[in-house]
N, C-alpha and C. Protein backbone atom coordinates (compact mmCIF):
# COMPACT_ATOMS: atom_id res chain seq x y z
N UNK A 1 1.60 -14.36 -4.57
CA UNK A 1 2.21 -14.79 -3.28
C UNK A 1 1.77 -16.23 -3.02
N UNK A 2 0.46 -16.52 -3.25
CA UNK A 2 -0.04 -17.88 -2.95
C UNK A 2 0.64 -18.93 -3.80
N UNK A 3 0.85 -18.54 -5.16
CA UNK A 3 1.54 -19.47 -6.09
C UNK A 3 2.97 -19.73 -5.64
N UNK A 4 3.65 -18.68 -5.11
CA UNK A 4 4.99 -18.87 -4.67
C UNK A 4 5.05 -19.84 -3.42
N UNK A 5 4.08 -19.73 -2.56
CA UNK A 5 4.03 -20.59 -1.42
C UNK A 5 3.83 -22.03 -1.85
N UNK A 6 2.93 -22.21 -2.80
CA UNK A 6 2.68 -23.59 -3.32
C UNK A 6 3.93 -24.18 -3.99
N UNK A 7 4.66 -23.32 -4.73
CA UNK A 7 5.84 -23.83 -5.41
C UNK A 7 6.89 -24.18 -4.35
N UNK A 8 7.03 -23.41 -3.32
CA UNK A 8 8.04 -23.76 -2.29
C UNK A 8 7.61 -25.03 -1.59
N UNK A 9 6.27 -25.11 -1.26
CA UNK A 9 5.84 -26.38 -0.55
C UNK A 9 6.00 -27.59 -1.42
N UNK A 10 5.73 -27.48 -2.80
CA UNK A 10 5.91 -28.68 -3.63
C UNK A 10 7.40 -28.99 -3.70
N UNK A 11 8.25 -28.11 -3.73
CA UNK A 11 9.72 -28.36 -3.78
C UNK A 11 10.19 -29.05 -2.51
N UNK A 12 9.64 -28.59 -1.40
CA UNK A 12 10.03 -29.17 -0.15
C UNK A 12 9.53 -30.62 -0.03
N UNK A 13 8.31 -30.90 -0.56
CA UNK A 13 7.75 -32.21 -0.56
C UNK A 13 8.60 -33.07 -1.50
N UNK A 14 9.05 -32.68 -2.62
CA UNK A 14 9.85 -33.41 -3.53
C UNK A 14 11.19 -33.74 -2.85
N UNK A 15 11.81 -32.76 -2.27
CA UNK A 15 13.09 -32.98 -1.52
C UNK A 15 12.91 -34.02 -0.44
N UNK A 16 11.86 -33.87 0.40
CA UNK A 16 11.61 -34.80 1.49
C UNK A 16 11.37 -36.22 1.00
N UNK A 17 10.59 -36.38 -0.04
CA UNK A 17 10.35 -37.71 -0.57
C UNK A 17 11.57 -38.33 -1.17
N UNK A 18 12.40 -37.53 -1.85
CA UNK A 18 13.65 -38.01 -2.41
C UNK A 18 14.64 -38.39 -1.34
N UNK A 19 14.72 -37.63 -0.26
CA UNK A 19 15.54 -37.94 0.83
C UNK A 19 15.18 -39.23 1.55
N UNK A 20 13.84 -39.45 1.69
CA UNK A 20 13.37 -40.71 2.26
C UNK A 20 13.75 -41.86 1.38
N UNK A 21 13.62 -41.70 0.10
CA UNK A 21 13.93 -42.82 -0.86
C UNK A 21 15.46 -43.15 -0.70
N UNK A 22 16.34 -42.18 -0.62
CA UNK A 22 17.73 -42.42 -0.45
C UNK A 22 17.98 -43.19 0.87
N UNK A 23 17.32 -42.74 1.92
CA UNK A 23 17.54 -43.44 3.15
C UNK A 23 17.09 -44.91 3.11
N UNK A 24 16.00 -45.17 2.46
CA UNK A 24 15.53 -46.53 2.25
C UNK A 24 16.55 -47.36 1.48
N UNK A 25 17.01 -46.82 0.31
CA UNK A 25 17.99 -47.53 -0.44
C UNK A 25 19.31 -47.76 0.35
N UNK A 26 19.70 -46.75 1.11
CA UNK A 26 20.97 -46.94 1.91
C UNK A 26 20.78 -48.04 2.88
N UNK A 27 19.69 -48.19 3.49
CA UNK A 27 19.39 -49.27 4.44
C UNK A 27 19.40 -50.69 3.83
N UNK A 28 18.75 -50.73 2.64
CA UNK A 28 18.62 -52.02 1.92
C UNK A 28 19.96 -52.42 1.30
N UNK A 29 20.63 -51.46 0.71
CA UNK A 29 21.87 -51.71 0.01
C UNK A 29 22.94 -50.76 0.47
N UNK A 30 23.51 -51.02 1.71
CA UNK A 30 24.40 -50.04 2.30
C UNK A 30 25.67 -49.72 1.49
N UNK A 31 26.15 -50.61 0.66
CA UNK A 31 27.39 -50.33 -0.08
C UNK A 31 27.14 -49.97 -1.55
N UNK A 32 25.89 -50.05 -1.94
CA UNK A 32 25.60 -49.76 -3.39
C UNK A 32 25.20 -48.29 -3.69
N UNK A 33 24.44 -47.73 -2.74
CA UNK A 33 23.92 -46.38 -2.97
C UNK A 33 24.51 -45.44 -1.90
N UNK A 34 24.93 -44.32 -2.27
CA UNK A 34 25.51 -43.41 -1.33
C UNK A 34 25.07 -41.98 -1.67
N UNK A 35 24.65 -41.29 -0.63
CA UNK A 35 24.32 -39.82 -0.79
C UNK A 35 24.99 -39.14 0.40
N UNK A 36 26.02 -38.33 0.08
CA UNK A 36 26.74 -37.69 1.20
C UNK A 36 25.77 -36.93 2.16
N UNK A 37 26.13 -36.87 3.47
CA UNK A 37 25.30 -36.17 4.41
C UNK A 37 25.32 -34.64 4.19
N UNK A 38 26.43 -34.12 3.63
CA UNK A 38 26.45 -32.68 3.38
C UNK A 38 26.11 -32.26 1.97
N UNK A 39 25.36 -33.17 1.32
CA UNK A 39 24.94 -32.88 -0.12
C UNK A 39 23.94 -31.69 -0.08
N UNK A 40 24.13 -30.85 -1.05
CA UNK A 40 23.36 -29.59 -1.23
C UNK A 40 21.93 -29.87 -1.63
N UNK A 41 20.97 -29.31 -1.01
CA UNK A 41 19.59 -29.41 -1.41
C UNK A 41 19.33 -28.50 -2.61
N UNK A 42 19.23 -29.07 -3.83
CA UNK A 42 19.10 -28.24 -5.01
C UNK A 42 17.83 -27.52 -5.07
N UNK A 43 16.80 -28.06 -4.47
CA UNK A 43 15.49 -27.30 -4.50
C UNK A 43 15.57 -26.01 -3.67
N UNK A 44 16.44 -25.95 -2.75
CA UNK A 44 16.53 -24.73 -1.95
C UNK A 44 17.31 -23.63 -2.65
N UNK A 45 18.08 -23.96 -3.68
CA UNK A 45 18.82 -22.93 -4.38
C UNK A 45 18.35 -22.65 -5.82
N UNK A 46 17.24 -23.23 -6.16
CA UNK A 46 16.64 -22.89 -7.47
C UNK A 46 16.06 -21.55 -7.43
N UNK A 47 16.31 -20.78 -8.50
CA UNK A 47 15.74 -19.44 -8.56
C UNK A 47 14.20 -19.49 -8.57
N UNK A 48 13.54 -18.64 -7.92
CA UNK A 48 12.05 -18.62 -7.95
C UNK A 48 11.59 -18.18 -9.32
N UNK A 49 10.60 -18.95 -9.79
CA UNK A 49 10.07 -18.68 -11.10
C UNK A 49 9.04 -17.50 -10.91
N UNK A 50 9.38 -16.38 -11.58
CA UNK A 50 8.47 -15.25 -11.48
C UNK A 50 7.44 -15.36 -12.58
N UNK A 51 6.19 -15.31 -12.20
CA UNK A 51 5.12 -15.38 -13.12
C UNK A 51 4.44 -14.01 -13.26
N UNK A 52 4.39 -13.46 -14.45
CA UNK A 52 3.75 -12.19 -14.66
C UNK A 52 2.25 -12.42 -14.58
N UNK A 53 1.60 -11.76 -13.59
CA UNK A 53 0.18 -11.95 -13.43
C UNK A 53 -0.62 -11.06 -14.32
N UNK A 54 -1.70 -11.56 -14.84
CA UNK A 54 -2.55 -10.81 -15.76
C UNK A 54 -3.33 -9.73 -15.03
N UNK A 55 -3.92 -8.85 -15.79
CA UNK A 55 -4.71 -7.74 -15.18
C UNK A 55 -5.93 -8.32 -14.51
N UNK A 56 -6.51 -9.38 -15.12
CA UNK A 56 -7.66 -10.06 -14.52
C UNK A 56 -7.31 -10.61 -13.18
N UNK A 57 -6.26 -11.36 -13.05
CA UNK A 57 -5.76 -12.00 -11.87
C UNK A 57 -5.53 -10.92 -10.79
N UNK A 58 -4.84 -9.84 -11.13
CA UNK A 58 -4.56 -8.76 -10.16
C UNK A 58 -5.90 -8.13 -9.66
N UNK A 59 -6.90 -8.00 -10.56
CA UNK A 59 -8.19 -7.44 -10.17
C UNK A 59 -8.85 -8.44 -9.24
N UNK A 60 -8.82 -9.69 -9.53
CA UNK A 60 -9.47 -10.70 -8.66
C UNK A 60 -8.84 -10.73 -7.28
N UNK A 61 -7.51 -10.51 -7.20
CA UNK A 61 -6.91 -10.47 -5.84
C UNK A 61 -7.52 -9.40 -4.95
N UNK A 62 -7.91 -8.33 -5.64
CA UNK A 62 -8.48 -7.13 -4.85
C UNK A 62 -9.96 -7.44 -4.52
N UNK A 63 -10.60 -8.41 -5.13
CA UNK A 63 -12.03 -8.74 -4.96
C UNK A 63 -12.32 -9.78 -3.96
N UNK A 64 -11.28 -10.46 -3.36
CA UNK A 64 -11.53 -11.61 -2.51
C UNK A 64 -12.32 -11.31 -1.26
N UNK A 65 -12.40 -10.15 -0.76
CA UNK A 65 -13.20 -9.84 0.47
C UNK A 65 -14.65 -9.49 0.17
N UNK A 66 -14.99 -9.43 -1.12
CA UNK A 66 -16.39 -9.16 -1.47
C UNK A 66 -17.27 -10.34 -1.00
N UNK A 67 -18.47 -10.00 -0.58
CA UNK A 67 -19.39 -11.09 -0.18
C UNK A 67 -20.54 -11.21 -1.19
N UNK A 68 -20.10 -11.58 -2.38
CA UNK A 68 -21.04 -11.79 -3.54
C UNK A 68 -20.43 -12.83 -4.46
N UNK A 69 -20.99 -13.23 -5.53
CA UNK A 69 -20.42 -14.19 -6.44
C UNK A 69 -19.00 -13.85 -6.95
N UNK A 70 -18.75 -12.57 -7.18
CA UNK A 70 -17.39 -12.22 -7.64
C UNK A 70 -16.35 -12.53 -6.55
N UNK A 71 -16.67 -12.26 -5.29
CA UNK A 71 -15.77 -12.58 -4.20
C UNK A 71 -15.52 -14.03 -4.07
N UNK A 72 -16.65 -14.87 -4.27
CA UNK A 72 -16.55 -16.30 -4.23
C UNK A 72 -15.64 -16.82 -5.28
N UNK A 73 -15.86 -16.25 -6.57
CA UNK A 73 -14.99 -16.64 -7.73
C UNK A 73 -13.54 -16.32 -7.43
N UNK A 74 -13.28 -15.15 -6.91
CA UNK A 74 -11.92 -14.73 -6.62
C UNK A 74 -11.28 -15.69 -5.56
N UNK A 75 -11.97 -16.00 -4.53
CA UNK A 75 -11.41 -16.93 -3.58
C UNK A 75 -11.16 -18.31 -4.16
N UNK A 76 -12.08 -18.78 -5.01
CA UNK A 76 -11.91 -20.12 -5.64
C UNK A 76 -10.70 -20.11 -6.55
N UNK A 77 -10.51 -19.10 -7.30
CA UNK A 77 -9.44 -18.98 -8.27
C UNK A 77 -8.08 -18.81 -7.47
N UNK A 78 -8.08 -18.05 -6.41
CA UNK A 78 -6.83 -17.87 -5.69
C UNK A 78 -6.38 -19.09 -5.03
N UNK A 79 -7.33 -20.01 -4.67
CA UNK A 79 -6.95 -21.35 -4.04
C UNK A 79 -6.52 -22.37 -5.06
N UNK A 80 -6.85 -22.10 -6.34
CA UNK A 80 -6.62 -23.11 -7.39
C UNK A 80 -5.23 -22.87 -8.04
N UNK A 81 -4.28 -23.76 -7.82
CA UNK A 81 -2.94 -23.59 -8.38
C UNK A 81 -2.94 -23.79 -9.90
N UNK A 82 -4.01 -24.33 -10.47
CA UNK A 82 -3.92 -24.62 -11.93
C UNK A 82 -4.61 -23.44 -12.75
N UNK A 83 -5.04 -22.40 -12.10
CA UNK A 83 -5.60 -21.26 -12.82
C UNK A 83 -4.51 -20.60 -13.61
N UNK A 84 -4.81 -20.22 -14.90
CA UNK A 84 -3.83 -19.58 -15.73
C UNK A 84 -3.58 -18.08 -15.34
N UNK A 85 -2.71 -17.85 -14.31
CA UNK A 85 -2.59 -16.52 -13.75
C UNK A 85 -1.98 -15.51 -14.73
N UNK A 86 -1.19 -15.90 -15.75
CA UNK A 86 -0.58 -15.01 -16.62
C UNK A 86 -1.43 -14.74 -17.81
N UNK A 87 -2.58 -15.31 -17.94
CA UNK A 87 -3.36 -15.15 -19.18
C UNK A 87 -4.53 -14.12 -19.03
N UNK A 88 -4.63 -13.28 -20.06
CA UNK A 88 -5.81 -12.31 -20.15
C UNK A 88 -6.76 -12.80 -21.20
N UNK A 89 -6.47 -13.94 -21.83
CA UNK A 89 -7.25 -14.43 -22.90
C UNK A 89 -8.57 -15.07 -22.43
N UNK A 90 -9.67 -14.60 -22.96
CA UNK A 90 -10.97 -15.18 -22.56
C UNK A 90 -11.04 -16.63 -22.95
N UNK A 91 -10.47 -16.98 -24.10
CA UNK A 91 -10.54 -18.38 -24.56
C UNK A 91 -9.78 -19.31 -23.55
N UNK A 92 -8.68 -18.77 -23.10
CA UNK A 92 -7.88 -19.61 -22.12
C UNK A 92 -8.59 -19.77 -20.82
N UNK A 93 -9.25 -18.72 -20.37
CA UNK A 93 -9.99 -18.83 -19.14
C UNK A 93 -11.24 -19.71 -19.32
N UNK A 94 -11.91 -19.66 -20.47
CA UNK A 94 -13.01 -20.56 -20.74
C UNK A 94 -12.52 -22.01 -20.76
N UNK A 95 -11.34 -22.29 -21.34
CA UNK A 95 -10.85 -23.61 -21.34
C UNK A 95 -10.61 -24.09 -19.90
N UNK A 96 -10.06 -23.20 -19.09
CA UNK A 96 -9.81 -23.52 -17.70
C UNK A 96 -11.12 -23.88 -16.97
N UNK A 97 -12.19 -23.12 -17.18
CA UNK A 97 -13.48 -23.32 -16.56
C UNK A 97 -14.11 -24.58 -17.00
């Protein structure tokens, strides 16, 4: 769920920054660059990328309310968008750490 929220937020940021860029270009060069007002936001219609979560990640989700080092680790990992959520490989997780 957290990864999906981050993905949506990053797509919205990309769309907003692109739209700002178009507006700037349109003001500087009104006859050269044109983006129709009713142009479709492609980021809003992209299919959501479904990531199969690993057993470790699913276990960590359940541990986030613990008040010990495992709970701390779970919260840190859940906040980190670069954690390899689909990997059960110890080598991959060591590389991440």
